[in-house]
Amino acid sequence: MSSTIELQDTLGSVGVIISTLLIQFYGWTGFDPIASLFIAVLIAASVIPLVLDTGKILALDVSNKDTKIQEALSEVCNFFSWYFNVLICPALINT
């Protein structure tokens, strides 16, 4: 992921340099907004996956981790079942 960010940062810098050269040679200042739009598209392309991943986390989307969660819960249930059968029941029966 960091190489993608570095590539986008480099492309943004190249866009600024190219727009500066075009403005210098042709005198038309419209190249600057075009370069800004190019950089904005690069930023949006890197932000959209981040926003989607964050939304999944905030929405508690655990679809790809459901088997691990079920295994962990079964271990917890097995422990409490053992705890109840070994420690609690004999103590209740002996009282």
PDB file of N, CA and C in Angstrom:
ATOM      1  N   MET A   1       0.826  -1.188   0.000  1.00  0.00           N
ATOM      2  CA  MET A   1       0.000   0.000   0.000  1.00  0.00           C
ATOM      3  C   MET A   1       0.864   1.244   0.000  1.00  0.00           C
ATOM      4  N   SER A   2       1.988   1.250   0.711  1.00  0.00           N
ATOM      5  CA  SER A   2       2.796   2.460   0.781  1.00  0.00           C
ATOM      6  C   SER A   2       3.444   2.766  -0.560  1.00  0.00           C
ATOM      7  N   SER A   3       3.746   1.737  -1.377  1.00  0.00           N
ATOM      8  CA  SER A   3       4.321   2.012  -2.693  1.00  0.00           C
ATOM      9  C   SER A   3       3.302   2.694  -3.594  1.00  0.00           C
ATOM     10  N   THR A   4       2.022   2.371  -3.426  1.00  0.00           N
ATOM     11  CA  THR A   4       0.972   3.041  -4.188  1.00  0.00           C
ATOM     12  C   THR A   4       0.889   4.505  -3.795  1.00  0.00           C
ATOM     13  N   ILE A   5       0.979   4.779  -2.504  1.00  0.00           N
ATOM     14  CA  ILE A   5       0.932   6.163  -2.027  1.00  0.00           C
ATOM     15  C   ILE A   5       2.128   6.940  -2.550  1.00  0.00           C
ATOM     16  N   GLU A   6       3.297   6.307  -2.531  1.00  0.00           N
ATOM     17  CA  GLU A   6       4.492   6.985  -3.037  1.00  0.00           C
ATOM     18  C   GLU A   6       4.372   7.252  -4.532  1.00  0.00           C
ATOM     19  N   LEU A   7       3.815   6.308  -5.279  1.00  0.00           N
ATOM     20  CA  LEU A   7       3.626   6.496  -6.715  1.00  0.00           C
ATOM     21  C   LEU A   7       2.645   7.640  -6.977  1.00  0.00           C
ATOM     22  N   GLN A   8       1.558   7.676  -6.228  1.00  0.00           N
ATOM     23  CA  GLN A   8       0.587   8.753  -6.404  1.00  0.00           C
ATOM     24  C   GLN A   8       1.181  10.103  -6.033  1.00  0.00           C
ATOM     25  N   ASP A   9       1.987  10.149  -4.991  1.00  0.00           N
ATOM     26  CA  ASP A   9       2.645  11.385  -4.599  1.00  0.00           C
ATOM     27  C   ASP A   9       3.603  11.856  -5.690  1.00  0.00           C
ATOM     28  N   THR A  10       4.334  10.915  -6.250  1.00  0.00           N
ATOM     29  CA  THR A  10       5.264  11.243  -7.331  1.00  0.00           C
ATOM     30  C   THR A  10       4.509  11.735  -8.558  1.00  0.00           C
ATOM     31  N   LEU A  11       3.414  11.065  -8.918  1.00  0.00           N
ATOM     32  CA  LEU A  11       2.623  11.498 -10.071  1.00  0.00           C
ATOM     33  C   LEU A  11       2.020  12.881  -9.841  1.00  0.00           C
ATOM     34  N   GLY A  12       1.622  13.166  -8.614  1.00  0.00           N
ATOM     35  CA  GLY A  12       1.110  14.503  -8.298  1.00  0.00           C
ATOM     36  C   GLY A  12       2.174  15.559  -8.488  1.00  0.00           C
ATOM     37  N   SER A  13       3.390  15.277  -8.028  1.00  0.00           N
ATOM     38  CA  SER A  13       4.490  16.223  -8.208  1.00  0.00           C
ATOM     39  C   SER A  13       4.829  16.405  -9.682  1.00  0.00           C
ATOM     40  N   VAL A  14       4.818  15.305 -10.426  1.00  0.00           N
ATOM     41  CA  VAL A  14       5.085  15.393 -11.870  1.00  0.00           C
ATOM     42  C   VAL A  14       3.999  16.224 -12.555  1.00  0.00           C
ATOM     43  N   GLY A  15       2.750  16.051 -12.137  1.00  0.00           N
ATOM     44  CA  GLY A  15       1.655  16.849 -12.693  1.00  0.00           C
ATOM     45  C   GLY A  15       1.844  18.334 -12.456  1.00  0.00           C
ATOM     46  N   VAL A  16       2.303  18.688 -11.261  1.00  0.00           N
ATOM     47  CA  VAL A  16       2.559  20.104 -10.948  1.00  0.00           C
ATOM     48  C   VAL A  16       3.697  20.639 -11.809  1.00  0.00           C
ATOM     49  N   ILE A  17       4.758  19.867 -11.955  1.00  0.00           N
ATOM     50  CA  ILE A  17       5.890  20.310 -12.770  1.00  0.00           C
ATOM     51  C   ILE A  17       5.472  20.486 -14.222  1.00  0.00           C
ATOM     52  N   ILE A  18       4.727  19.525 -14.753  1.00  0.00           N
ATOM     53  CA  ILE A  18       4.280  19.616 -16.150  1.00  0.00           C
ATOM     54  C   ILE A  18       3.360  20.818 -16.347  1.00  0.00           C
ATOM     55  N   SER A  19       2.437  21.027 -15.413  1.00  0.00           N
ATOM     56  CA  SER A  19       1.531  22.179 -15.559  1.00  0.00           C
ATOM     57  C   SER A  19       2.305  23.492 -15.478  1.00  0.00           C
ATOM     58  N   THR A  20       3.319  23.561 -14.624  1.00  0.00           N
ATOM     59  CA  THR A  20       4.142  24.772 -14.539  1.00  0.00           C
ATOM     60  C   THR A  20       4.876  25.023 -15.852  1.00  0.00           C
ATOM     61  N   LEU A  21       5.434  23.969 -16.443  1.00  0.00           N
ATOM     62  CA  LEU A  21       6.138  24.119 -17.721  1.00  0.00           C
ATOM     63  C   LEU A  21       5.179  24.530 -18.836  1.00  0.00           C
ATOM     64  N   LEU A  22       3.985  23.922 -18.855  1.00  0.00           N
ATOM     65  CA  LEU A  22       3.012  24.286 -19.877  1.00  0.00           C
ATOM     66  C   LEU A  22       2.548  25.734 -19.736  1.00  0.00           C
ATOM     67  N   ILE A  23       2.349  26.172 -18.500  1.00  0.00           N
ATOM     68  CA  ILE A  23       1.979  27.569 -18.271  1.00  0.00           C
ATOM     69  C   ILE A  23       3.098  28.494 -18.734  1.00  0.00           C
ATOM     70  N   GLN A  24       4.329  28.122 -18.454  1.00  0.00           N
ATOM     71  CA  GLN A  24       5.467  28.948 -18.835  1.00  0.00           C
ATOM     72  C   GLN A  24       5.595  29.030 -20.358  1.00  0.00           C
ATOM     73  N   PHE A  25       5.415  27.907 -21.062  1.00  0.00           N
ATOM     74  CA  PHE A  25       5.597  27.906 -22.520  1.00  0.00           C
ATOM     75  C   PHE A  25       4.398  28.483 -23.273  1.00  0.00           C
ATOM     76  N   TYR A  26       3.176  28.165 -22.824  1.00  0.00           N
ATOM     77  CA  TYR A  26       1.993  28.576 -23.567  1.00  0.00           C
ATOM     78  C   TYR A  26       1.286  29.784 -22.955  1.00  0.00           C
ATOM     79  N   GLY A  27       1.528  30.067 -21.694  1.00  0.00           N
ATOM     80  CA  GLY A  27       0.926  31.225 -21.055  1.00  0.00           C
ATOM     81  C   GLY A  27      -0.521  31.033 -20.634  1.00  0.00           C
ATOM     82  N   TRP A  28      -1.065  29.858 -20.869  1.00  0.00           N
ATOM     83  CA  TRP A  28      -2.456  29.606 -20.483  1.00  0.00           C
ATOM     84  C   TRP A  28      -2.492  29.044 -19.071  1.00  0.00           C
ATOM     85  N   THR A  29      -3.156  29.715 -18.159  1.00  0.00           N
ATOM     86  CA  THR A  29      -3.163  29.300 -16.752  1.00  0.00           C
ATOM     87  C   THR A  29      -4.182  28.193 -16.469  1.00  0.00           C
ATOM     88  N   GLY A  30      -4.872  27.718 -17.475  1.00  0.00           N
ATOM     89  CA  GLY A  30      -5.837  26.643 -17.298  1.00  0.00           C
ATOM     90  C   GLY A  30      -5.195  25.298 -17.025  1.00  0.00           C
ATOM     91  N   PHE A  31      -3.890  25.218 -17.281  1.00  0.00           N
ATOM     92  CA  PHE A  31      -3.200  23.954 -16.995  1.00  0.00           C
ATOM     93  C   PHE A  31      -3.122  23.672 -15.496  1.00  0.00           C
ATOM     94  N   ASP A  32      -3.101  24.726 -14.688  1.00  0.00           N
ATOM     95  CA  ASP A  32      -3.008  24.539 -13.232  1.00  0.00           C
ATOM     96  C   ASP A  32      -4.252  23.853 -12.668  1.00  0.00           C
ATOM     97  N   PRO A  33      -5.473  24.310 -13.026  1.00  0.00           N
ATOM     98  CA  PRO A  33      -6.651  23.579 -12.528  1.00  0.00           C
ATOM     99  C   PRO A  33      -6.736  22.150 -13.051  1.00  0.00           C
ATOM    100  N   ILE A  34      -6.256  21.930 -14.279  1.00  0.00           N
ATOM    101  CA  ILE A  34      -6.273  20.571 -14.813  1.00  0.00           C
ATOM    102  C   ILE A  34      -5.352  19.673 -13.992  1.00  0.00           C
ATOM    103  N   ALA A  35      -4.172  20.185 -13.653  1.00  0.00           N
ATOM    104  CA  ALA A  35      -3.250  19.415 -12.806  1.00  0.00           C
ATOM    105  C   ALA A  35      -3.852  19.196 -11.420  1.00  0.00           C
ATOM    106  N   SER A  36      -4.558  20.198 -10.904  1.00  0.00           N
ATOM    107  CA  SER A  36      -5.199  20.045  -9.589  1.00  0.00           C
ATOM    108  C   SER A  36      -6.273  18.967  -9.624  1.00  0.00           C
ATOM    109  N   LEU A  37      -7.042  18.918 -10.702  1.00  0.00           N
ATOM    110  CA  LEU A  37      -8.052  17.864 -10.833  1.00  0.00           C
ATOM    111  C   LEU A  37      -7.396  16.485 -10.922  1.00  0.00           C
ATOM    112  N   PHE A  38      -6.282  16.405 -11.641  1.00  0.00           N
ATOM    113  CA  PHE A  38      -5.542  15.150 -11.741  1.00  0.00           C
ATOM    114  C   PHE A  38      -5.087  14.676 -10.357  1.00  0.00           C
ATOM    115  N   ILE A  39      -4.557  15.602  -9.573  1.00  0.00           N
ATOM    116  CA  ILE A  39      -4.098  15.263  -8.215  1.00  0.00           C
ATOM    117  C   ILE A  39      -5.291  14.876  -7.336  1.00  0.00           C
ATOM    118  N   ALA A  40      -6.424  15.579  -7.498  1.00  0.00           N
ATOM    119  CA  ALA A  40      -7.617  15.249  -6.712  1.00  0.00           C
ATOM    120  C   ALA A  40      -8.122  13.843  -7.033  1.00  0.00           C
ATOM    121  N   VAL A  41      -8.042  13.455  -8.301  1.00  0.00           N
ATOM    122  CA  VAL A  41      -8.456  12.092  -8.688  1.00  0.00           C
ATOM    123  C   VAL A  41      -7.526  11.066  -8.047  1.00  0.00           C
ATOM    124  N   LEU A  42      -6.228  11.360  -8.015  1.00  0.00           N
ATOM    125  CA  LEU A  42      -5.279  10.442  -7.374  1.00  0.00           C
ATOM    126  C   LEU A  42      -5.576  10.300  -5.878  1.00  0.00           C
ATOM    127  N   ILE A  43      -5.879  11.418  -5.235  1.00  0.00           N
ATOM    128  CA  ILE A  43      -6.188  11.377  -3.795  1.00  0.00           C
ATOM    129  C   ILE A  43      -7.473  10.591  -3.566  1.00  0.00           C
ATOM    130  N   ALA A  44      -8.494  10.849  -4.373  1.00  0.00           N
ATOM    131  CA  ALA A  44      -9.770  10.142  -4.218  1.00  0.00           C
ATOM    132  C   ALA A  44      -9.594   8.648  -4.438  1.00  0.00           C
ATOM    133  N   ALA A  45      -8.745   8.283  -5.399  1.00  0.00           N
ATOM    134  CA  ALA A  45      -8.519   6.860  -5.668  1.00  0.00           C
ATOM    135  C   ALA A  45      -7.873   6.159  -4.478  1.00  0.00           C
ATOM    136  N   SER A  46      -7.064   6.879  -3.726  1.00  0.00           N
ATOM    137  CA  SER A  46      -6.433   6.255  -2.563  1.00  0.00           C
ATOM    138  C   SER A  46      -7.318   6.314  -1.328  1.00  0.00           C
ATOM    139  N   VAL A  47      -8.263   7.245  -1.287  1.00  0.00           N
ATOM    140  CA  VAL A  47      -9.107   7.409  -0.107  1.00  0.00           C
ATOM    141  C   VAL A  47     -10.302   6.465  -0.122  1.00  0.00           C
ATOM    142  N   ILE A  48     -10.835   6.169  -1.289  1.00  0.00           N
ATOM    143  CA  ILE A  48     -12.049   5.353  -1.372  1.00  0.00           C
ATOM    144  C   ILE A  48     -11.875   3.978  -0.719  1.00  0.00           C
ATOM    145  N   PRO A  49     -10.785   3.225  -0.990  1.00  0.00           N
ATOM    146  CA  PRO A  49     -10.638   1.938  -0.288  1.00  0.00           C
ATOM    147  C   PRO A  49     -10.505   2.103   1.229  1.00  0.00           C
ATOM    148  N   LEU A  50      -9.856   3.181   1.649  1.00  0.00           N
ATOM    149  CA  LEU A  50      -9.717   3.424   3.087  1.00  0.00           C
ATOM    150  C   LEU A  50     -11.067   3.682   3.737  1.00  0.00           C
ATOM    151  N   VAL A  51     -11.903   4.470   3.079  1.00  0.00           N
ATOM    152  CA  VAL A  51     -13.237   4.764   3.602  1.00  0.00           C
ATOM    153  C   VAL A  51     -14.089   3.494   3.641  1.00  0.00           C
ATOM    154  N   LEU A  52     -13.990   2.667   2.604  1.00  0.00           N
ATOM    155  CA  LEU A  52     -14.762   1.415   2.591  1.00  0.00           C
ATOM    156  C   LEU A  52     -14.326   0.475   3.705  1.00  0.00           C
ATOM    157  N   ASP A  53     -13.015   0.336   3.910  1.00  0.00           N
ATOM    158  CA  ASP A  53     -12.528  -0.529   4.991  1.00  0.00           C
ATOM    159  C   ASP A  53     -12.949   0.005   6.354  1.00  0.00           C
ATOM    160  N   THR A  54     -12.869   1.311   6.528  1.00  0.00           N
ATOM    161  CA  THR A  54     -13.286   1.908   7.800  1.00  0.00           C
ATOM    162  C   THR A  54     -14.775   1.707   8.032  1.00  0.00           C
ATOM    163  N   GLY A  55     -15.569   1.855   6.978  1.00  0.00           N
ATOM    164  CA  GLY A  55     -17.012   1.628   7.104  1.00  0.00           C
ATOM    165  C   GLY A  55     -17.332   0.205   7.498  1.00  0.00           C
ATOM    166  N   LYS A  56     -16.593  -0.755   6.938  1.00  0.00           N
ATOM    167  CA  LYS A  56     -16.813  -2.155   7.310  1.00  0.00           C
ATOM    168  C   LYS A  56     -16.482  -2.389   8.776  1.00  0.00           C
ATOM    169  N   ILE A  57     -15.415  -1.769   9.239  1.00  0.00           N
ATOM    170  CA  ILE A  57     -15.041  -1.933  10.647  1.00  0.00           C
ATOM    171  C   ILE A  57     -16.092  -1.307  11.546  1.00  0.00           C
ATOM    172  N   LEU A  58     -16.541  -0.091  11.195  1.00  0.00           N
ATOM    173  CA  LEU A  58     -17.539   0.585  12.027  1.00  0.00           C
ATOM    174  C   LEU A  58     -18.890  -0.126  11.991  1.00  0.00           C
ATOM    175  N   ALA A  59     -19.196  -0.782  10.888  1.00  0.00           N
ATOM    176  CA  ALA A  59     -20.455  -1.511  10.780  1.00  0.00           C
ATOM    177  C   ALA A  59     -20.345  -2.928  11.338  1.00  0.00           C
ATOM    178  N   LEU A  60     -19.178  -3.252  11.892  1.00  0.00           N
ATOM    179  CA  LEU A  60     -18.917  -4.567  12.471  1.00  0.00           C
ATOM    180  C   LEU A  60     -19.126  -5.682  11.456  1.00  0.00           C
ATOM    181  N   ASP A  61     -18.621  -5.458  10.256  1.00  0.00           N
ATOM    182  CA  ASP A  61     -18.697  -6.468   9.198  1.00  0.00           C
ATOM    183  C   ASP A  61     -17.617  -7.514   9.463  1.00  0.00           C
ATOM    184  N   VAL A  62     -18.041  -8.679   9.911  1.00  0.00           N
ATOM    185  CA  VAL A  62     -17.105  -9.741  10.253  1.00  0.00           C
ATOM    186  C   VAL A  62     -17.296 -10.953   9.345  1.00  0.00           C
ATOM    187  N   SER A  63     -17.755 -10.711   8.129  1.00  0.00           N
ATOM    188  CA  SER A  63     -18.089 -11.823   7.244  1.00  0.00           C
ATOM    189  C   SER A  63     -16.891 -12.711   6.929  1.00  0.00           C
ATOM    190  N   ASN A  64     -15.705 -12.135   6.843  1.00  0.00           N
ATOM    191  CA  ASN A  64     -14.542 -12.961   6.520  1.00  0.00           C
ATOM    192  C   ASN A  64     -13.871 -13.527   7.767  1.00  0.00           C
ATOM    193  N   LYS A  65     -14.370 -13.196   8.935  1.00  0.00           N
ATOM    194  CA  LYS A  65     -13.767 -13.682  10.174  1.00  0.00           C
ATOM    195  C   LYS A  65     -14.744 -14.499  11.006  1.00  0.00           C
ATOM    196  N   ASP A  66     -15.857 -14.884  10.433  1.00  0.00           N
ATOM    197  CA  ASP A  66     -16.885 -15.545  11.228  1.00  0.00           C
ATOM    198  C   ASP A  66     -16.439 -16.893  11.769  1.00  0.00           C
ATOM    199  N   THR A  67     -15.626 -17.647  11.047  1.00  0.00           N
ATOM    200  CA  THR A  67     -15.188 -18.952  11.564  1.00  0.00           C
ATOM    201  C   THR A  67     -14.241 -18.778  12.743  1.00  0.00           C
ATOM    202  N   LYS A  68     -13.378 -17.780  12.688  1.00  0.00           N
ATOM    203  CA  LYS A  68     -12.472 -17.541  13.819  1.00  0.00           C
ATOM    204  C   LYS A  68     -13.259 -17.109  15.055  1.00  0.00           C
ATOM    205  N   ILE A  69     -14.277 -16.290  14.869  1.00  0.00           N
ATOM    206  CA  ILE A  69     -15.098 -15.844  15.998  1.00  0.00           C
ATOM    207  C   ILE A  69     -15.852 -17.025  16.591  1.00  0.00           C
ATOM    208  N   GLN A  70     -16.403 -17.886  15.729  1.00  0.00           N
ATOM    209  CA  GLN A  70     -17.129 -19.058  16.225  1.00  0.00           C
ATOM    210  C   GLN A  70     -16.208 -20.000  16.989  1.00  0.00           C
ATOM    211  N   GLU A  71     -14.975 -20.177  16.498  1.00  0.00           N
ATOM    212  CA  GLU A  71     -14.018 -21.028  17.212  1.00  0.00           C
ATOM    213  C   GLU A  71     -13.680 -20.444  18.579  1.00  0.00           C
ATOM    214  N   ALA A  72     -13.469 -19.144  18.638  1.00  0.00           N
ATOM    215  CA  ALA A  72     -13.141 -18.508  19.912  1.00  0.00           C
ATOM    216  C   ALA A  72     -14.304 -18.611  20.885  1.00  0.00           C
ATOM    217  N   LEU A  73     -15.520 -18.397  20.394  1.00  0.00           N
ATOM    218  CA  LEU A  73     -16.685 -18.500  21.268  1.00  0.00           C
ATOM    219  C   LEU A  73     -16.900 -19.926  21.754  1.00  0.00           C
ATOM    220  N   SER A  74     -16.629 -20.912  20.900  1.00  0.00           N
ATOM    221  CA  SER A  74     -16.795 -22.294  21.350  1.00  0.00           C
ATOM    222  C   SER A  74     -15.764 -22.639  22.415  1.00  0.00           C
ATOM    223  N   GLU A  75     -14.553 -22.091  22.294  1.00  0.00           N
ATOM    224  CA  GLU A  75     -13.547 -22.320  23.336  1.00  0.00           C
ATOM    225  C   GLU A  75     -13.980 -21.702  24.657  1.00  0.00           C
ATOM    226  N   VAL A  76     -14.546 -20.498  24.585  1.00  0.00           N
ATOM    227  CA  VAL A  76     -15.039 -19.850  25.811  1.00  0.00           C
ATOM    228  C   VAL A  76     -16.166 -20.671  26.414  1.00  0.00           C
ATOM    229  N   CYS A  77     -17.102 -21.126  25.571  1.00  0.00           N
ATOM    230  CA  CYS A  77     -18.213 -21.943  26.067  1.00  0.00           C
ATOM    231  C   CYS A  77     -17.715 -23.251  26.665  1.00  0.00           C
ATOM    232  N   ASN A  78     -16.722 -23.878  26.022  1.00  0.00           N
ATOM    233  CA  ASN A  78     -16.164 -25.121  26.563  1.00  0.00           C
ATOM    234  C   ASN A  78     -15.514 -24.878  27.913  1.00  0.00           C
ATOM    235  N   PHE A  79     -14.824 -23.754  28.061  1.00  0.00           N
ATOM    236  CA  PHE A  79     -14.193 -23.448  29.343  1.00  0.00           C
ATOM    237  C   PHE A  79     -15.248 -23.271  30.426  1.00  0.00           C
ATOM    238  N   PHE A  80     -16.281 -22.486  30.136  1.00  0.00           N
ATOM    239  CA  PHE A  80     -17.298 -22.257  31.165  1.00  0.00           C
ATOM    240  C   PHE A  80     -18.077 -23.534  31.468  1.00  0.00           C
ATOM    241  N   SER A  81     -18.259 -24.385  30.468  1.00  0.00           N
ATOM    242  CA  SER A  81     -18.912 -25.663  30.710  1.00  0.00           C
ATOM    243  C   SER A  81     -18.054 -26.518  31.641  1.00  0.00           C
ATOM    244  N   TRP A  82     -16.752 -26.569  31.387  1.00  0.00           N
ATOM    245  CA  TRP A  82     -15.846 -27.304  32.260  1.00  0.00           C
ATOM    246  C   TRP A  82     -15.848 -26.702  33.665  1.00  0.00           C
ATOM    247  N   TYR A  83     -15.774 -25.375  33.742  1.00  0.00           N
ATOM    248  CA  TYR A  83     -15.741 -24.676  35.028  1.00  0.00           C
ATOM    249  C   TYR A  83     -16.991 -25.004  35.829  1.00  0.00           C
ATOM    250  N   PHE A  84     -18.134 -24.979  35.163  1.00  0.00           N
ATOM    251  CA  PHE A  84     -19.386 -25.247  35.857  1.00  0.00           C
ATOM    252  C   PHE A  84     -19.464 -26.708  36.294  1.00  0.00           C
ATOM    253  N   ASN A  85     -19.107 -27.630  35.412  1.00  0.00           N
ATOM    254  CA  ASN A  85     -19.236 -29.060  35.728  1.00  0.00           C
ATOM    255  C   ASN A  85     -18.218 -29.527  36.756  1.00  0.00           C
ATOM    256  N   VAL A  86     -17.018 -28.987  36.742  1.00  0.00           N
ATOM    257  CA  VAL A  86     -15.964 -29.472  37.627  1.00  0.00           C
ATOM    258  C   VAL A  86     -15.972 -28.745  38.964  1.00  0.00           C
ATOM    259  N   LEU A  87     -16.195 -27.447  38.938  1.00  0.00           N
ATOM    260  CA  LEU A  87     -16.058 -26.682  40.168  1.00  0.00           C
ATOM    261  C   LEU A  87     -17.381 -26.326  40.832  1.00  0.00           C
ATOM    262  N   ILE A  88     -18.355 -25.918  40.070  1.00  0.00           N
ATOM    263  CA  ILE A  88     -19.590 -25.412  40.663  1.00  0.00           C
ATOM    264  C   ILE A  88     -20.531 -26.547  41.075  1.00  0.00           C
ATOM    265  N   CYS A  89     -20.774 -27.492  40.185  1.00  0.00           N
ATOM    266  CA  CYS A  89     -21.726 -28.567  40.495  1.00  0.00           C
ATOM    267  C   CYS A  89     -21.320 -29.389  41.708  1.00  0.00           C
ATOM    268  N   PRO A  90     -20.056 -29.844  41.823  1.00  0.00           N
ATOM    269  CA  PRO A  90     -19.688 -30.598  43.037  1.00  0.00           C
ATOM    270  C   PRO A  90     -19.846 -29.765  44.309  1.00  0.00           C
ATOM    271  N   ALA A  91     -19.546 -28.488  44.209  1.00  0.00           N
ATOM    272  CA  ALA A  91     -19.708 -27.649  45.397  1.00  0.00           C
ATOM    273  C   ALA A  91     -21.184 -27.516  45.777  1.00  0.00           C
ATOM    274  N   LEU A  92     -22.071 -27.429  44.795  1.00  0.00           N
ATOM    275  CA  LEU A  92     -23.499 -27.329  45.072  1.00  0.00           C
ATOM    276  C   LEU A  92     -24.050 -28.653  45.608  1.00  0.00           C
ATOM    277  N   ILE A  93     -23.542 -29.753  45.072  1.00  0.00           N
ATOM    278  CA  ILE A  93     -24.036 -31.043  45.500  1.00  0.00           C
ATOM    279  C   ILE A  93     -23.590 -31.351  46.939  1.00  0.00           C
ATOM    280  N   ASN A  94     -22.371 -30.960  47.292  1.00  0.00           N
ATOM    281  CA  ASN A  94     -21.837 -31.254  48.622  1.00  0.00           C
ATOM    282  C   ASN A  94     -22.410 -30.356  49.701  1.00  0.00           C
ATOM    283  N   THR A  95     -23.113 -29.316  49.366  1.00  0.00           N
ATOM    284  CA  THR A  95     -23.630 -28.417  50.408  1.00  0.00           C
ATOM    285  C   THR A  95     -24.972 -28.812  50.903  1.00  0.00           C
TER     286      THR A  95
END
